[in-house]
Protein backbone atom coordinates (compact mmCIF):
# COMPACT_ATOMS: atom_id res chain seq x y z
CA GLU A 1 -3.30 -29.98 152.32
CA ALA A 2 -1.13 -31.36 155.12
CA SER A 3 2.48 -31.52 155.67
CA THR A 4 2.85 -34.32 158.14
CA GLY A 5 6.53 -35.03 158.04
CA SER A 6 7.97 -38.25 158.81
CA LEU A 7 5.36 -39.50 161.44
CA GLY A 8 3.35 -41.48 158.88
CA GLN A 9 0.05 -39.33 159.41
CA GLY A 10 -0.32 -38.20 155.89
CA LEU A 11 -1.80 -41.54 154.54
CA SER A 12 -4.35 -41.51 157.59
CA ILE A 13 -5.37 -38.09 156.75
CA GLY A 14 -5.71 -39.03 153.10
CA VAL A 15 -7.97 -41.99 153.92
CA GLY A 16 -10.14 -39.72 155.85
CA ALA A 17 -10.27 -37.12 153.06
CA ALA A 18 -11.06 -39.92 150.49
CA LEU A 19 -13.94 -41.14 152.71
CA ALA A 20 -15.18 -37.42 153.14
CA ALA A 21 -15.30 -37.11 149.36
CA ARG A 22 -17.15 -40.34 148.98
CA LEU A 23 -19.77 -39.23 151.57
CA ASP A 24 -20.13 -35.80 149.83
CA ASN A 25 -20.73 -37.71 146.63
CA THR A 26 -17.99 -35.85 144.64
CA ASP A 27 -15.60 -37.09 142.13
CA ALA A 28 -12.59 -35.56 144.01
CA ARG A 29 -9.40 -37.67 144.12
CA VAL A 30 -7.06 -37.60 146.96
CA TYR A 31 -3.29 -37.83 146.41
CA VAL A 32 -0.70 -38.57 149.29
CA MET A 33 2.98 -38.57 148.95
CA THR A 34 5.19 -40.32 151.34
CA GLY A 35 8.85 -41.54 151.31
CA ASP A 36 9.98 -44.96 151.73
CA GLY A 37 11.48 -44.30 155.17
CA GLU A 38 8.26 -42.95 156.42
CA LEU A 39 6.55 -46.37 155.67
CA GLY A 40 8.26 -47.70 158.61
CA GLU A 41 5.67 -46.03 160.86
CA GLY A 42 2.72 -48.34 161.53
CA GLN A 43 0.17 -45.81 161.08
CA ASN A 44 0.73 -46.17 157.31
CA TRP A 45 -0.10 -49.77 157.36
CA GLU A 46 -3.25 -49.40 159.47
CA ALA A 47 -4.25 -46.71 156.77
CA CYS A 48 -3.55 -49.04 154.01
CA MET A 49 -5.84 -51.63 155.57
CA SER A 50 -8.59 -49.17 156.03
CA ALA A 51 -8.28 -47.82 152.53
CA ALA A 52 -8.57 -51.34 151.16
CA LYS A 53 -11.60 -52.19 153.44
CA TYR A 54 -13.50 -49.06 152.17
CA ARG A 55 -12.49 -49.57 148.72
CA LEU A 56 -11.21 -46.23 148.30
CA ASP A 57 -10.47 -45.99 144.46
CA ASN A 58 -10.35 -42.15 144.75
CA LEU A 59 -7.10 -42.48 146.86
CA VAL A 60 -3.73 -42.56 145.24
CA LEU A 61 -0.38 -42.84 147.22
CA ILE A 62 2.89 -41.88 145.69
CA VAL A 63 5.99 -43.37 147.35
CA ASP A 64 9.25 -41.68 146.76
CA GLN A 65 11.56 -44.76 146.96
CA ASN A 66 14.94 -43.29 147.17
CA GLY A 67 16.42 -45.63 149.61
CA PHE A 68 17.16 -43.05 152.25
CA GLN A 69 15.75 -41.60 155.43
CA GLN A 70 16.88 -39.25 158.02
CA THR A 71 18.68 -41.89 160.12
CA GLY A 72 20.44 -43.60 157.07
CA PRO A 73 19.66 -45.99 154.11
CA THR A 74 16.22 -47.75 154.44
CA ALA A 75 18.08 -50.93 153.74
CA GLU A 76 19.80 -50.76 156.95
CA VAL A 77 17.07 -49.10 159.04
CA LEU A 78 14.00 -51.09 158.05
CA ASP A 79 14.15 -52.69 154.61
CA LEU A 80 10.46 -52.89 153.25
CA ARG A 81 11.56 -53.82 149.74
CA PRO A 82 9.84 -54.80 147.47
CA LEU A 83 7.17 -52.46 148.01
CA ALA A 84 4.68 -52.88 145.30
CA PRO A 85 3.88 -56.50 146.24
CA ARG A 86 3.42 -55.35 149.84
CA PHE A 87 0.77 -52.93 148.86
CA GLU A 88 -0.84 -55.65 146.66
CA ALA A 89 -0.94 -58.03 149.69
CA PHE A 90 -2.83 -55.17 151.43
CA GLY A 91 -5.47 -55.27 148.68
CA TRP A 92 -4.19 -52.32 146.70
CA PHE A 93 -3.49 -51.70 143.05
CA ALA A 94 0.23 -51.11 142.84
CA GLN A 95 2.71 -49.98 140.10
CA GLU A 96 6.40 -49.44 140.15
CA ILE A 97 7.74 -46.57 137.97
CA ASN A 98 10.93 -44.57 137.23
CA GLY A 99 10.09 -41.45 139.39
CA HIS A 100 12.26 -39.28 137.11
CA ASP A 101 10.48 -40.07 133.85
CA LEU A 102 7.50 -37.79 133.35
CA ASN A 103 5.87 -39.95 130.75
CA GLU A 104 5.86 -42.96 133.22
CA ILE A 105 4.57 -40.71 136.01
CA LEU A 106 1.64 -39.40 133.83
CA LEU A 107 0.94 -42.81 132.66
CA ALA A 108 0.76 -44.23 136.33
CA PHE A 109 -1.67 -41.41 137.39
CA ASP A 110 -3.81 -42.35 134.30
CA LYS A 111 -3.86 -45.98 135.23
CA ALA A 112 -4.72 -45.20 138.76
CA LYS A 113 -7.52 -43.03 137.75
CA HIS A 114 -9.11 -46.04 136.03
CA ILE A 115 -8.75 -48.58 138.73
CA LYS A 116 -12.11 -49.26 140.41
CA GLY A 117 -12.71 -50.83 143.85
CA LYS A 118 -9.32 -50.37 145.37
CA PRO A 119 -6.75 -47.77 146.32
CA SER A 120 -3.71 -47.26 144.20
CA ALA A 121 -0.07 -46.97 145.06
CA ILE A 122 2.55 -45.75 142.83
CA VAL A 123 6.11 -46.60 144.02
CA ALA A 124 8.40 -44.06 142.20
CA ARG A 125 11.98 -45.20 142.17
CA THR A 126 14.30 -42.18 142.52
CA ILE A 127 17.60 -41.14 143.13
CA LYS A 128 17.91 -38.79 146.18
CA GLY A 129 18.69 -35.29 145.28
CA TYR A 130 18.42 -35.97 141.50
CA PRO A 131 19.75 -34.30 139.30
CA ILE A 132 22.12 -32.59 141.59
CA GLN A 133 22.91 -35.81 143.70
CA THR A 134 26.64 -35.28 143.31
CA LEU A 135 26.45 -32.15 145.46
CA LEU A 136 25.02 -33.96 148.19
CA THR A 137 26.93 -35.72 150.94
CA SER A 138 26.38 -39.41 151.93
CA ASP A 139 25.87 -38.25 155.52
CA PRO A 140 22.39 -38.92 156.62
CA ASN A 141 22.47 -35.63 158.61
CA HIS A 142 22.38 -33.94 155.07
CA HIS A 143 18.79 -35.27 154.76
CA GLY A 144 16.88 -32.59 156.36
CA LYS A 145 19.21 -29.59 155.78
CA PRO A 146 19.14 -26.78 153.12
CA LEU A 147 21.89 -26.52 150.81
CA THR A 148 24.82 -24.08 151.58
CA LYS A 149 25.14 -21.08 149.37
CA ASP A 150 27.92 -22.54 147.42
CA GLU A 151 25.97 -25.90 146.99
CA ALA A 152 22.78 -23.88 145.99
CA GLU A 153 24.82 -22.10 143.34
CA LYS A 154 26.30 -25.12 142.03
CA ALA A 155 23.00 -26.83 141.88
CA LEU A 156 21.37 -23.87 139.89
CA ALA A 157 24.16 -24.12 137.36
CA MET A 158 23.71 -27.83 137.03
CA ILE A 159 19.99 -27.58 136.25
CA GLY A 160 20.26 -24.48 134.14
């Protein structure tokens, strides 16, 4: 496990772990989760090229595409949409899903498991803060801050 934050290192670590699993001759699968804002880091695209080159079909990338990053909306900072065709151009199998629909999530993982010869990307379209997004401000500085006590109480009441 590695918590890499917004520097784009997670996918590179995942490529290394997927290669190690192959060298160890295991059936281990490697899952990496990133945000759409994090994809602005070039290291991610270098990792994408390496994963495709080595045909890492034991690697699955999940992209939380919520349209925001710490410095603002991704459409204004660095718009990389549409993401699925971008991954396909890098030699990946890519699918786009509703990231709030558990059935779609499970189906996407199952499809990825059966893809051979290439890594998989699951672009999960989400709403930032779902299902409590109405409590969050549009201020991008709210991005990395915990809820206030009042917000937390309201959030818990909303989700039951």
